[in-house]
Structures are given as C-alpha cells and as structure tokens.
Amino acid sequence: MSRAATKKFSSLMSKALLEQLKRQAEQNGQSVRFLMEAAVRHYLEVVVPSTQKVRPEIIALGEESIRENMDLMKRLARAK
C-alpha cells in the first residue's frame, strides 16, 4: 500500500479556533492533520463549486422577469 505524497506547510489560525480543532481531534481520536485535510477537501469539493454556479431556479426567475418586462426594456432602450 503506497502512501500519498505529503508536503509540509505553515499557516496561521486564531488561537481559539486552533484549540477547538485540537480538542475535537482528541475527542474523536483523530489527528489535527486528518481534520484539516477533511475541512479543505470539503471546501474544495462542496463549497467552491456551489459558489461558482447560479442555481437553476434563479436563472429561471431572471428569464421570466426578462420576458415579463421586455416591452418596458424596449421602450427604455428607445428613450435614450
């Protein structure tokens, strides 16, 4: 079984947050590294993609608004 390549890095975190992370790791019998990797993986796989997409219902509402207000938009465009 091969081990995944790792690279050491340094970062800063609020003292209170780091203490909370350490307590949680200890309570669950996990390492801080495990929790940090899980948090970063979740952020990259779930949070980032969800912030880069517009929800379909929002797109539908925008399209509906455009259809409903097309006449007004045309009149405003001619008024310029």
N, C-alpha and C. Protein backbone atom coordinates (compact mmCIF):
# COMPACT_ATOMS: atom_id res chain seq x y z
N MET A 1 0.85 -1.18 0.00
CA MET A 1 0.00 0.00 0.00
C MET A 1 0.89 1.24 0.00
N SER A 2 0.73 2.10 -1.00
CA SER A 2 1.58 3.29 -1.08
C SER A 2 0.96 4.44 -0.31
N ARG A 3 1.83 5.27 0.21
CA ARG A 3 1.37 6.43 0.98
C ARG A 3 1.26 7.62 0.04
N ALA A 4 0.27 8.44 0.27
CA ALA A 4 0.10 9.65 -0.53
C ALA A 4 1.24 10.61 -0.24
N ALA A 5 1.71 11.28 -1.27
CA ALA A 5 2.77 12.27 -1.08
C ALA A 5 2.25 13.41 -0.22
N THR A 6 3.08 13.87 0.66
CA THR A 6 2.70 14.98 1.53
C THR A 6 3.72 16.09 1.42
N LYS A 7 3.31 17.28 1.79
CA LYS A 7 4.19 18.42 1.80
C LYS A 7 3.87 19.25 3.02
N LYS A 8 4.88 19.58 3.77
CA LYS A 8 4.70 20.36 4.98
C LYS A 8 4.49 21.84 4.61
N PHE A 9 3.61 22.51 5.33
CA PHE A 9 3.40 23.94 5.13
C PHE A 9 3.09 24.58 6.47
N SER A 10 3.15 25.88 6.49
CA SER A 10 2.88 26.62 7.72
C SER A 10 1.81 27.65 7.44
N SER A 11 0.93 27.83 8.40
CA SER A 11 -0.13 28.81 8.25
C SER A 11 -0.46 29.39 9.62
N LEU A 12 -1.30 30.38 9.64
CA LEU A 12 -1.75 30.99 10.89
C LEU A 12 -3.25 30.77 11.04
N MET A 13 -3.68 30.59 12.28
CA MET A 13 -5.09 30.39 12.59
C MET A 13 -5.32 31.03 13.96
N SER A 14 -6.53 31.49 14.20
CA SER A 14 -6.80 32.08 15.50
C SER A 14 -6.54 31.03 16.59
N LYS A 15 -6.03 31.50 17.69
CA LYS A 15 -5.68 30.61 18.80
C LYS A 15 -6.90 29.82 19.28
N ALA A 16 -8.02 30.51 19.43
CA ALA A 16 -9.23 29.85 19.92
C ALA A 16 -9.71 28.77 18.95
N LEU A 17 -9.65 29.06 17.66
CA LEU A 17 -10.09 28.09 16.66
C LEU A 17 -9.17 26.87 16.64
N LEU A 18 -7.87 27.11 16.75
CA LEU A 18 -6.92 26.00 16.77
C LEU A 18 -7.13 25.13 18.00
N GLU A 19 -7.38 25.74 19.14
CA GLU A 19 -7.63 24.95 20.36
C GLU A 19 -8.90 24.12 20.21
N GLN A 20 -9.91 24.69 19.62
CA GLN A 20 -11.16 23.96 19.39
C GLN A 20 -10.92 22.78 18.44
N LEU A 21 -10.12 23.00 17.41
CA LEU A 21 -9.79 21.94 16.46
C LEU A 21 -9.03 20.81 17.16
N LYS A 22 -8.05 21.18 17.98
CA LYS A 22 -7.28 20.17 18.71
C LYS A 22 -8.16 19.36 19.65
N ARG A 23 -9.07 20.04 20.36
CA ARG A 23 -9.99 19.33 21.27
C ARG A 23 -10.87 18.35 20.51
N GLN A 24 -11.39 18.81 19.38
CA GLN A 24 -12.26 17.96 18.57
C GLN A 24 -11.50 16.74 18.07
N ALA A 25 -10.29 16.94 17.62
CA ALA A 25 -9.47 15.82 17.13
C ALA A 25 -9.22 14.82 18.25
N GLU A 26 -8.88 15.32 19.41
CA GLU A 26 -8.61 14.44 20.55
C GLU A 26 -9.86 13.67 20.97
N GLN A 27 -10.98 14.35 21.03
CA GLN A 27 -12.23 13.71 21.44
C GLN A 27 -12.63 12.58 20.49
N ASN A 28 -12.31 12.76 19.20
CA ASN A 28 -12.70 11.77 18.19
C ASN A 28 -11.60 10.78 17.86
N GLY A 29 -10.46 10.90 18.55
CA GLY A 29 -9.35 10.01 18.25
C GLY A 29 -8.77 10.22 16.87
N GLN A 30 -8.83 11.46 16.41
CA GLN A 30 -8.32 11.81 15.08
C GLN A 30 -7.15 12.77 15.23
N SER A 31 -6.41 12.93 14.17
CA SER A 31 -5.30 13.88 14.20
C SER A 31 -5.78 15.23 13.68
N VAL A 32 -5.08 16.27 14.07
CA VAL A 32 -5.38 17.61 13.55
C VAL A 32 -5.21 17.59 12.03
N ARG A 33 -4.19 16.90 11.56
CA ARG A 33 -3.95 16.80 10.11
C ARG A 33 -5.17 16.20 9.41
N PHE A 34 -5.72 15.13 9.96
CA PHE A 34 -6.89 14.50 9.35
C PHE A 34 -8.05 15.49 9.25
N LEU A 35 -8.32 16.21 10.34
CA LEU A 35 -9.43 17.17 10.33
C LEU A 35 -9.16 18.33 9.37
N MET A 36 -7.92 18.79 9.32
CA MET A 36 -7.59 19.88 8.39
C MET A 36 -7.76 19.43 6.95
N GLU A 37 -7.28 18.24 6.63
CA GLU A 37 -7.43 17.74 5.26
C GLU A 37 -8.90 17.54 4.91
N ALA A 38 -9.68 17.03 5.86
CA ALA A 38 -11.11 16.84 5.62
C ALA A 38 -11.81 18.18 5.39
N ALA A 39 -11.43 19.18 6.16
CA ALA A 39 -12.05 20.51 6.01
C ALA A 39 -11.68 21.13 4.67
N VAL A 40 -10.44 21.02 4.28
CA VAL A 40 -10.01 21.59 2.99
C VAL A 40 -10.66 20.83 1.84
N ARG A 41 -10.70 19.51 1.94
CA ARG A 41 -11.34 18.70 0.90
C ARG A 41 -12.81 19.10 0.75
N HIS A 42 -13.51 19.23 1.86
CA HIS A 42 -14.92 19.64 1.83
C HIS A 42 -15.07 21.02 1.17
N TYR A 43 -14.21 21.93 1.55
CA TYR A 43 -14.26 23.28 0.98
C TYR A 43 -14.07 23.24 -0.53
N LEU A 44 -13.06 22.49 -0.99
CA LEU A 44 -12.76 22.44 -2.42
C LEU A 44 -13.80 21.67 -3.22
N GLU A 45 -14.35 20.61 -2.65
CA GLU A 45 -15.29 19.76 -3.38
C GLU A 45 -16.75 20.21 -3.28
N VAL A 46 -17.10 20.88 -2.19
CA VAL A 46 -18.51 21.24 -1.97
C VAL A 46 -18.74 22.75 -2.00
N VAL A 47 -17.99 23.48 -1.21
CA VAL A 47 -18.24 24.91 -1.06
C VAL A 47 -17.88 25.67 -2.33
N VAL A 48 -16.68 25.47 -2.84
CA VAL A 48 -16.24 26.22 -4.02
C VAL A 48 -17.17 25.99 -5.21
N PRO A 49 -17.47 24.73 -5.58
CA PRO A 49 -18.37 24.54 -6.72
C PRO A 49 -19.75 25.17 -6.52
N SER A 50 -20.26 25.14 -5.29
CA SER A 50 -21.60 25.68 -5.06
C SER A 50 -21.62 27.20 -5.16
N THR A 51 -20.49 27.86 -4.97
CA THR A 51 -20.46 29.32 -5.07
C THR A 51 -20.17 29.78 -6.49
N GLN A 52 -19.80 28.86 -7.36
CA GLN A 52 -19.46 29.22 -8.73
C GLN A 52 -20.59 28.93 -9.71
N LYS A 53 -21.71 28.48 -9.21
CA LYS A 53 -22.84 28.15 -10.07
C LYS A 53 -24.05 28.96 -9.63
N VAL A 54 -24.82 29.37 -10.59
CA VAL A 54 -26.08 30.04 -10.28
C VAL A 54 -27.16 28.97 -10.24
N ARG A 55 -27.92 28.96 -9.19
CA ARG A 55 -28.96 27.95 -9.05
C ARG A 55 -29.97 28.07 -10.19
N PRO A 56 -30.42 26.94 -10.72
CA PRO A 56 -31.35 26.96 -11.86
C PRO A 56 -32.61 27.77 -11.60
N GLU A 57 -33.12 27.73 -10.37
CA GLU A 57 -34.34 28.49 -10.09
C GLU A 57 -34.10 30.00 -10.18
N ILE A 58 -32.88 30.44 -9.89
CA ILE A 58 -32.56 31.87 -10.01
C ILE A 58 -32.49 32.25 -11.49
N ILE A 59 -31.89 31.39 -12.30
CA ILE A 59 -31.83 31.65 -13.74
C ILE A 59 -33.25 31.71 -14.31
N ALA A 60 -34.10 30.78 -13.90
CA ALA A 60 -35.49 30.77 -14.39
C ALA A 60 -36.23 32.04 -14.01
N LEU A 61 -36.03 32.51 -12.79
CA LEU A 61 -36.67 33.76 -12.36
C LEU A 61 -36.18 34.94 -13.18
N GLY A 62 -34.89 34.97 -13.46
CA GLY A 62 -34.34 36.05 -14.28
C GLY A 62 -34.92 36.04 -15.69
N GLU A 63 -35.00 34.85 -16.28
CA GLU A 63 -35.57 34.73 -17.62
C GLU A 63 -37.03 35.14 -17.64
N GLU A 64 -37.77 34.75 -16.61
CA GLU A 64 -39.18 35.12 -16.52
C GLU A 64 -39.33 36.64 -16.40
N SER A 65 -38.49 37.25 -15.60
CA SER A 65 -38.53 38.70 -15.44
C SER A 65 -38.24 39.41 -16.76
N ILE A 66 -37.28 38.89 -17.49
CA ILE A 66 -36.94 39.49 -18.79
C ILE A 66 -38.15 39.39 -19.73
N ARG A 67 -38.76 38.21 -19.78
CA ARG A 67 -39.93 38.03 -20.66
C ARG A 67 -41.06 39.00 -20.27
N GLU A 68 -41.32 39.09 -18.97
CA GLU A 68 -42.41 39.94 -18.50
C GLU A 68 -42.15 41.42 -18.75
N ASN A 69 -40.89 41.81 -18.76
CA ASN A 69 -40.56 43.23 -18.86
C ASN A 69 -39.93 43.62 -20.19
N MET A 70 -40.02 42.74 -21.19
CA MET A 70 -39.38 43.00 -22.48
C MET A 70 -39.90 44.29 -23.11
N ASP A 71 -41.20 44.50 -23.08
CA ASP A 71 -41.77 45.71 -23.69
C ASP A 71 -41.20 46.96 -23.02
N LEU A 72 -41.17 46.96 -21.70
CA LEU A 72 -40.63 48.10 -20.97
C LEU A 72 -39.16 48.32 -21.31
N MET A 73 -38.39 47.24 -21.38
CA MET A 73 -36.96 47.38 -21.71
C MET A 73 -36.76 47.96 -23.11
N LYS A 74 -37.60 47.54 -24.05
CA LYS A 74 -37.51 48.07 -25.43
C LYS A 74 -37.84 49.56 -25.44
N ARG A 75 -38.88 49.96 -24.70
CA ARG A 75 -39.25 51.38 -24.65
C ARG A 75 -38.15 52.20 -24.00
N LEU A 76 -37.55 51.66 -22.94
CA LEU A 76 -36.45 52.38 -22.27
C LEU A 76 -35.23 52.50 -23.18
N ALA A 77 -34.97 51.47 -23.96
CA ALA A 77 -33.82 51.49 -24.87
C ALA A 77 -34.03 52.55 -25.96
N ARG A 78 -35.28 52.69 -26.45
CA ARG A 78 -35.57 53.69 -27.47
C ARG A 78 -35.51 55.10 -26.90
N ALA A 79 -35.79 55.27 -25.61
CA ALA A 79 -35.86 56.58 -24.99
C ALA A 79 -34.48 57.23 -24.89
N LYS A 80 -33.45 56.48 -24.95
CA LYS A 80 -32.09 57.04 -24.82
C LYS A 80 -31.73 57.86 -25.99
